[in-house]
Amino acid sequence: MVEPEANNDVSEEKAERPATAQPFTPEQLKNAWLEFADQRKMYRAEYQLLTQEIEIRDTTIVLHLLNPVQETLLNDLKSDLMLHVRQKLNNFTITVTGELKSETDKKVIYTNREKFEHLASKNPNLLTLKEKLGLDSDY
């Protein structure tokens, strides 16, 4: 009868990473970030995501996302991105997170009347011109 082997897989999976936390400058971080982005240039959506605005909050890098699709995309490449940046900066406390920007209830202008009212709010002289010429904004 064969005895079951001791399960040493758990200890192997927990291969300790260096707990280093070398200080870094925002320029060093941006250079490492853009280096990773250049590696992903062939994937247009990923490259576009990686070249968006980022914010550095201590050791957390916040990527400002424009839509939920980008959140999924970031989640797919987050581990590779963090590994690259951590190794380049020799700081394994760095994390990457995405933050969805909330739009400020921006009204979409569809009709000619809405377009005219929007432009007239920027330039009230359009209302005067419309009245003097007897124009109709609805066509």
Protein backbone atom coordinates (compact mmCIF):
# COMPACT_ATOMS: atom_id res chain seq x y z
CA MET A 1 0.00 0.00 0.00
CA VAL A 2 1.33 3.40 -0.98
CA GLU A 3 1.20 6.11 1.64
CA PRO A 4 -0.09 9.50 0.51
CA GLU A 5 2.61 12.10 0.11
CA ALA A 6 2.68 15.08 2.39
CA ASN A 7 1.13 18.05 0.65
CA ASN A 8 4.06 20.41 0.13
CA ASP A 9 2.30 22.25 -2.71
CA VAL A 10 0.92 24.84 -0.33
CA SER A 11 4.37 25.91 0.81
CA GLU A 12 5.64 25.95 -2.79
CA GLU A 13 2.75 28.12 -3.93
CA LYS A 14 3.52 30.56 -1.14
CA ALA A 15 6.92 31.30 -2.62
CA GLU A 16 7.83 34.39 -0.71
CA ARG A 17 8.24 37.53 -2.71
CA PRO A 18 10.63 40.14 -1.51
CA ALA A 19 8.77 42.53 0.74
CA THR A 20 10.77 45.45 -0.57
CA ALA A 21 9.31 48.88 -0.76
CA GLN A 22 11.87 51.08 -2.48
CA PRO A 23 10.73 54.69 -2.75
CA PHE A 24 9.93 55.92 -6.26
CA THR A 25 9.16 59.19 -7.96
CA PRO A 26 6.08 59.85 -10.08
CA GLU A 27 8.37 60.13 -13.12
CA GLN A 28 9.83 56.67 -12.48
CA LEU A 29 6.33 55.26 -12.10
CA LYS A 30 5.10 56.89 -15.30
CA ASN A 31 8.14 55.61 -17.20
CA ALA A 32 7.54 52.04 -16.00
CA TRP A 33 3.82 52.41 -16.77
CA LEU A 34 4.43 53.70 -20.30
CA GLU A 35 7.01 50.98 -20.91
CA PHE A 36 4.31 48.41 -20.18
CA ALA A 37 1.87 50.32 -22.38
CA ASP A 38 4.37 50.22 -25.26
CA GLN A 39 4.56 46.45 -24.89
CA ARG A 40 0.77 46.32 -25.34
CA LYS A 41 0.69 48.67 -28.34
CA MET A 42 -0.50 45.91 -30.68
CA TYR A 43 -3.68 45.63 -28.61
CA ARG A 44 -5.33 48.96 -29.34
CA ALA A 45 -7.95 48.88 -26.60
CA GLU A 46 -5.38 47.98 -23.94
CA TYR A 47 -2.94 50.62 -25.18
CA GLN A 48 -5.65 53.27 -25.18
CA LEU A 49 -6.61 52.28 -21.64
CA LEU A 50 -3.01 52.38 -20.41
CA THR A 51 -2.37 55.83 -21.88
CA GLN A 52 -5.29 57.41 -20.02
CA GLU A 53 -4.91 59.65 -17.00
CA ILE A 54 -3.58 58.00 -13.85
CA GLU A 55 -3.46 59.27 -10.30
CA ILE A 56 -0.90 58.23 -7.70
CA ARG A 57 -2.18 57.85 -4.14
CA ASP A 58 0.74 56.73 -2.01
CA THR A 59 1.45 53.24 -3.42
CA THR A 60 -1.89 52.87 -5.17
CA ILE A 61 -2.17 53.78 -8.83
CA VAL A 62 -5.69 54.82 -9.77
CA LEU A 63 -6.59 54.57 -13.44
CA HIS A 64 -9.57 56.74 -14.36
CA LEU A 65 -11.92 54.62 -16.45
CA LEU A 66 -14.40 56.00 -18.94
CA ASN A 67 -16.81 53.05 -19.08
CA PRO A 68 -17.47 49.62 -17.53
CA VAL A 69 -15.87 47.83 -20.50
CA GLN A 70 -12.53 49.37 -19.58
CA GLU A 71 -12.96 48.02 -16.05
CA THR A 72 -13.15 44.48 -17.44
CA LEU A 73 -10.15 45.13 -19.65
CA LEU A 74 -8.14 46.45 -16.70
CA ASN A 75 -9.03 43.42 -14.60
CA ASP A 76 -7.72 41.16 -17.39
CA LEU A 77 -4.29 42.78 -17.51
CA LYS A 78 -3.96 44.07 -13.94
CA SER A 79 -1.75 41.23 -12.66
CA ASP A 80 0.75 41.56 -15.54
CA LEU A 81 0.76 45.33 -15.17
CA MET A 82 1.35 45.25 -11.42
CA LEU A 83 4.11 42.66 -11.78
CA HIS A 84 5.88 44.80 -14.39
CA VAL A 85 5.64 48.03 -12.40
CA ARG A 86 6.59 46.35 -9.13
CA GLN A 87 9.69 44.76 -10.66
CA LYS A 88 10.79 47.92 -12.44
CA LEU A 89 10.46 50.04 -9.30
CA ASN A 90 11.52 47.29 -6.89
CA ASN A 91 8.44 48.04 -4.77
CA PHE A 92 6.04 45.16 -4.18
CA THR A 93 3.53 47.26 -2.25
CA ILE A 94 2.26 48.98 -5.42
CA THR A 95 -1.33 48.20 -6.35
CA VAL A 96 -3.40 49.20 -9.37
CA THR A 97 -7.08 49.98 -9.23
CA GLY A 98 -9.63 51.42 -11.62
CA GLU A 99 -12.07 54.18 -10.81
CA LEU A 100 -15.06 54.74 -13.03
CA LYS A 101 -15.55 58.44 -13.70
CA SER A 102 -19.13 59.47 -13.11
CA GLU A 103 -20.51 61.68 -15.79
CA THR A 104 -22.31 64.79 -14.62
CA ASP A 105 -25.74 64.08 -16.08
CA LYS A 106 -24.74 65.55 -19.40
CA LYS A 107 -27.81 66.08 -21.54
CA VAL A 108 -27.49 64.81 -25.08
CA ILE A 109 -28.68 67.31 -27.67
CA TYR A 110 -30.80 65.68 -30.37
CA THR A 111 -33.30 68.06 -31.97
CA ASN A 112 -32.70 71.32 -33.78
CA ARG A 113 -34.55 73.22 -31.05
CA GLU A 114 -32.28 71.71 -28.37
CA LYS A 115 -29.22 72.60 -30.45
CA PHE A 116 -30.41 76.19 -30.86
CA GLU A 117 -31.25 76.54 -27.15
CA HIS A 118 -27.83 75.22 -26.22
CA LEU A 119 -26.07 77.66 -28.53
CA ALA A 120 -28.33 80.52 -27.39
CA SER A 121 -27.43 79.82 -23.77
CA LYS A 122 -23.79 80.34 -24.74
CA ASN A 123 -24.50 83.41 -26.87
CA PRO A 124 -27.74 85.32 -26.10
CA ASN A 125 -27.29 87.40 -29.27
CA LEU A 126 -28.64 84.43 -31.22
CA LEU A 127 -32.08 84.98 -29.66
CA THR A 128 -32.02 88.62 -30.75
CA LEU A 129 -30.94 87.63 -34.26
CA LYS A 130 -33.64 84.97 -34.45
CA GLU A 131 -36.34 87.49 -33.46
CA LYS A 132 -35.10 90.23 -35.82
CA LEU A 133 -34.94 87.88 -38.78
CA GLY A 134 -38.12 86.00 -37.88
CA LEU A 135 -36.39 82.63 -38.00
CA ASP A 136 -37.73 79.32 -36.75
CA SER A 137 -35.21 77.06 -35.02
CA ASP A 138 -37.26 73.93 -35.78
CA TYR A 139 -37.03 74.27 -39.59
